[in-house]
Amino acid sequence: MTEIETSRLILRRFRIQDAAPMAAYRNVPDIARYQAWPSPLTPQAAADQARVYSEQDPEQPGWFQYAIELKADQSLAGDLGVNLHDNRRQADLGYTLAPALHGRGYATEAVRAVLGHLFHRGLHRISAECDARNTASARLLERAGFHLEGRRPEFTLNVNTGEWTDTLLYGLLASRCQTRPGAHRSSR
């Protein structure tokens, strides 16, 4: 199992008991408005999703969802997904953090740790997208070293509201990453 540790966080495989706290933060309207999943997330759908996440393989192409756990109290703070491309040299990432924890640097810490881990594994490029209205997420990506590569007008259909939103495209090459691979500990 892949686990990434920082000074304040453990990024680990999802567990079934993560379902309820995941549903709690994903169902917050200000969080769900920027995401692609249907809201509200029912308890059964959250349990099903946590089960799927717990079975994903971070070494195989496709999505792997890390649970972001606070070391201080072992609570679920959020999640961070990595979509490894078939060529195993590129990936996309996305993240969600419980709103009560915003503004404390947890999401930036988690993103930087995953970047270090992925680039240390030999990835060449990591991409991310965000809703153009989500300025906090755009700032986080820029703090983590990503470069704005473009904007797609009315590209994403929000499944909850039916509105079309602009999408910002970000990218980061291994050669431009300032995250030190040794800044985290990883185990299998």
Protein backbone atom coordinates (compact mmCIF):
# COMPACT_ATOMS: atom_id res chain seq x y z
CA MET A 1 0.00 0.00 0.00
CA THR A 2 1.30 3.44 -0.86
CA GLU A 3 1.33 5.89 2.00
CA ILE A 4 2.80 9.38 1.91
CA GLU A 5 3.60 11.20 5.11
CA THR A 6 4.27 14.88 5.74
CA SER A 7 4.81 16.74 8.99
CA ARG A 8 1.04 17.09 9.56
CA LEU A 9 -0.62 14.63 7.19
CA ILE A 10 -0.82 11.02 6.15
CA LEU A 11 -2.02 10.37 2.61
CA ARG A 12 -3.26 6.81 2.63
CA ARG A 13 -5.63 4.34 1.06
CA PHE A 14 -9.32 4.96 1.77
CA ARG A 15 -11.14 2.88 4.37
CA ILE A 16 -14.85 2.11 4.59
CA GLN A 17 -15.11 4.21 7.78
CA ASP A 18 -14.07 7.25 5.72
CA ALA A 19 -17.47 7.26 3.98
CA ALA A 20 -19.40 9.44 6.45
CA PRO A 21 -16.77 12.18 6.85
CA MET A 22 -16.21 12.19 3.07
CA ALA A 23 -19.94 12.67 2.46
CA ALA A 24 -20.02 15.45 5.06
CA TYR A 25 -17.45 17.65 3.29
CA ARG A 26 -18.45 16.70 -0.25
CA ASN A 27 -22.07 17.66 0.47
CA VAL A 28 -21.20 21.22 1.52
CA PRO A 29 -22.72 23.38 -1.25
CA ASP A 30 -19.64 25.61 -1.55
CA ILE A 31 -17.51 22.50 -2.12
CA ALA A 32 -19.89 20.62 -4.43
CA ARG A 33 -20.41 23.62 -6.72
CA TYR A 34 -16.87 23.25 -8.09
CA GLN A 35 -16.85 19.46 -8.44
CA ALA A 36 -18.07 16.98 -11.04
CA TRP A 37 -19.83 14.53 -8.70
CA PRO A 38 -23.58 14.54 -8.09
CA SER A 39 -24.66 16.12 -4.82
CA PRO A 40 -25.90 15.31 -2.29
CA LEU A 41 -23.85 12.18 -1.75
CA THR A 42 -26.09 9.73 0.10
CA PRO A 43 -24.69 7.56 2.91
CA GLN A 44 -24.97 4.47 0.68
CA ALA A 45 -23.30 6.20 -2.28
CA ALA A 46 -20.52 7.42 0.03
CA ALA A 47 -19.98 3.87 1.37
CA ASP A 48 -19.91 2.52 -2.18
CA GLN A 49 -17.43 5.22 -3.22
CA ALA A 50 -15.16 4.58 -0.22
CA ARG A 51 -15.19 0.87 -1.07
CA VAL A 52 -14.20 1.58 -4.68
CA TYR A 53 -11.46 3.94 -3.52
CA SER A 54 -10.13 1.34 -1.07
CA GLU A 55 -9.66 -1.14 -3.93
CA GLN A 56 -7.85 1.14 -6.38
CA ASP A 57 -4.21 0.45 -7.26
CA PRO A 58 -1.89 3.50 -7.36
CA GLU A 59 0.55 1.65 -9.60
CA GLN A 60 -1.99 1.01 -12.37
CA PRO A 61 -3.31 3.52 -14.92
CA GLY A 62 -6.52 5.18 -13.83
CA TRP A 63 -7.62 7.02 -10.73
CA PHE A 64 -6.28 6.44 -7.25
CA GLN A 65 -7.88 8.45 -4.48
CA TYR A 66 -5.74 9.23 -1.42
CA ALA A 67 -7.49 9.87 1.88
CA ILE A 68 -5.91 12.93 3.52
CA GLU A 69 -5.67 12.23 7.24
CA LEU A 70 -4.66 14.73 9.90
CA LYS A 71 -1.93 13.26 12.10
CA ALA A 72 -3.06 15.32 15.08
CA ASP A 73 -6.39 13.53 15.51
CA GLN A 74 -6.44 10.91 12.72
CA SER A 75 -9.52 12.53 11.16
CA LEU A 76 -10.29 12.59 7.44
CA ALA A 77 -9.43 16.06 6.18
CA GLY A 78 -10.15 15.49 2.50
CA ASP A 79 -9.06 13.50 -0.51
CA LEU A 80 -6.64 13.83 -3.39
CA GLY A 81 -7.02 11.91 -6.64
CA VAL A 82 -4.27 10.97 -9.08
CA ASN A 83 -5.23 9.75 -12.56
CA LEU A 84 -2.18 7.92 -13.91
CA HIS A 85 -2.15 7.88 -17.71
CA ASP A 86 -1.63 4.66 -19.66
CA ASN A 87 1.93 5.73 -20.48
CA ARG A 88 2.71 5.91 -16.71
CA ARG A 89 4.66 9.12 -17.30
CA GLN A 90 1.80 11.60 -16.94
CA ALA A 91 -1.01 12.11 -14.46
CA ASP A 92 -3.88 14.42 -13.62
CA LEU A 93 -4.72 15.40 -10.08
CA GLY A 94 -7.63 16.82 -8.17
CA TYR A 95 -8.34 17.44 -4.52
CA THR A 96 -11.04 18.32 -2.04
CA LEU A 97 -10.59 19.51 1.53
CA ALA A 98 -13.18 19.87 4.30
CA PRO A 99 -14.11 23.58 4.42
CA ALA A 100 -13.39 23.88 8.16
CA LEU A 101 -9.74 23.19 7.30
CA HIS A 102 -9.37 25.69 4.46
CA GLY A 103 -6.70 28.35 4.79
CA ARG A 104 -4.32 26.29 6.95
CA GLY A 105 -2.05 24.99 4.20
CA TYR A 106 -3.19 21.36 4.39
CA ALA A 107 -4.21 21.10 0.73
CA THR A 108 -0.96 22.71 -0.44
CA GLU A 109 1.01 20.34 1.80
CA ALA A 110 -0.85 17.32 0.40
CA VAL A 111 -0.45 18.42 -3.23
CA ARG A 112 3.27 19.11 -2.81
CA ALA A 113 3.82 15.73 -1.15
CA VAL A 114 2.06 13.90 -3.98
CA LEU A 115 3.99 15.90 -6.59
CA GLY A 116 7.27 14.94 -4.94
CA HIS A 117 6.19 11.31 -4.78
CA LEU A 118 5.06 11.17 -8.41
CA PHE A 119 8.08 12.97 -9.84
CA HIS A 120 10.37 10.78 -7.75
CA ARG A 121 8.65 7.76 -9.39
CA GLY A 122 9.68 9.14 -12.78
CA LEU A 123 6.59 10.97 -14.00
CA HIS A 124 7.29 13.64 -16.61
CA ARG A 125 4.18 15.82 -16.33
CA ILE A 126 1.23 16.39 -14.01
CA SER A 127 -1.87 18.31 -15.02
CA ALA A 128 -4.78 19.76 -13.09
CA GLU A 129 -8.01 21.55 -13.96
CA CYS A 130 -10.21 23.78 -11.87
CA ASP A 131 -13.40 25.75 -12.21
CA ALA A 132 -12.37 29.30 -13.11
CA ARG A 133 -14.58 30.66 -10.31
CA ASN A 134 -12.60 28.66 -7.74
CA THR A 135 -9.87 31.22 -7.18
CA ALA A 136 -8.64 29.52 -3.99
CA SER A 137 -7.94 26.31 -5.92
CA ALA A 138 -6.18 28.23 -8.70
CA ARG A 139 -3.96 29.98 -6.12
CA LEU A 140 -3.16 26.61 -4.50
CA LEU A 141 -2.04 25.15 -7.83
CA GLU A 142 0.16 28.18 -8.48
CA ARG A 143 1.70 27.96 -4.97
CA ALA A 144 2.48 24.30 -5.69
CA GLY A 145 4.36 25.33 -8.85
CA PHE A 146 1.77 24.68 -11.56
CA HIS A 147 1.63 27.00 -14.56
CA LEU A 148 -1.61 28.23 -16.08
CA GLU A 149 -1.70 26.81 -19.59
CA GLY A 150 -5.13 27.83 -20.77
CA ARG A 151 -8.79 28.51 -20.21
CA ARG A 152 -11.67 26.60 -21.78
CA PRO A 153 -14.78 28.81 -21.89
CA GLU A 154 -18.00 27.07 -20.80
CA PHE A 155 -16.25 23.71 -20.98
CA THR A 156 -17.64 21.89 -17.94
CA LEU A 157 -21.30 21.13 -17.29
CA ASN A 158 -22.05 21.15 -13.57
CA VAL A 159 -24.23 18.07 -13.02
CA ASN A 160 -25.88 19.62 -9.96
CA THR A 161 -26.82 23.05 -11.32
CA GLY A 162 -26.91 22.51 -15.08
CA GLU A 163 -24.64 25.53 -15.61
CA TRP A 164 -21.68 25.61 -17.98
CA THR A 165 -18.49 26.86 -16.37
CA ASP A 166 -15.07 27.91 -17.60
CA THR A 167 -12.22 25.51 -16.82
CA LEU A 168 -8.63 26.56 -16.09
CA LEU A 169 -5.88 24.21 -17.29
CA TYR A 170 -2.67 23.86 -15.28
CA GLY A 171 0.47 21.83 -15.86
CA LEU A 172 3.77 21.09 -14.19
CA LEU A 173 6.82 19.39 -15.68
CA ALA A 174 9.22 17.38 -13.54
CA SER A 175 12.05 19.65 -14.71
CA ARG A 176 10.24 22.69 -13.29
CA CYS A 177 9.03 21.19 -10.02
CA GLN A 178 10.49 22.84 -6.93
CA THR A 179 9.16 20.13 -4.59
CA ARG A 180 11.98 18.06 -3.18
CA PRO A 181 11.34 14.30 -3.53
CA GLY A 182 12.77 13.75 -0.04
CA ALA A 183 10.25 16.13 1.54
CA HIS A 184 7.94 13.23 2.35
CA ARG A 185 8.19 9.64 3.36
CA SER A 186 6.55 6.98 1.26
CA SER A 187 6.04 3.32 1.99
CA ARG A 188 4.58 0.38 0.12
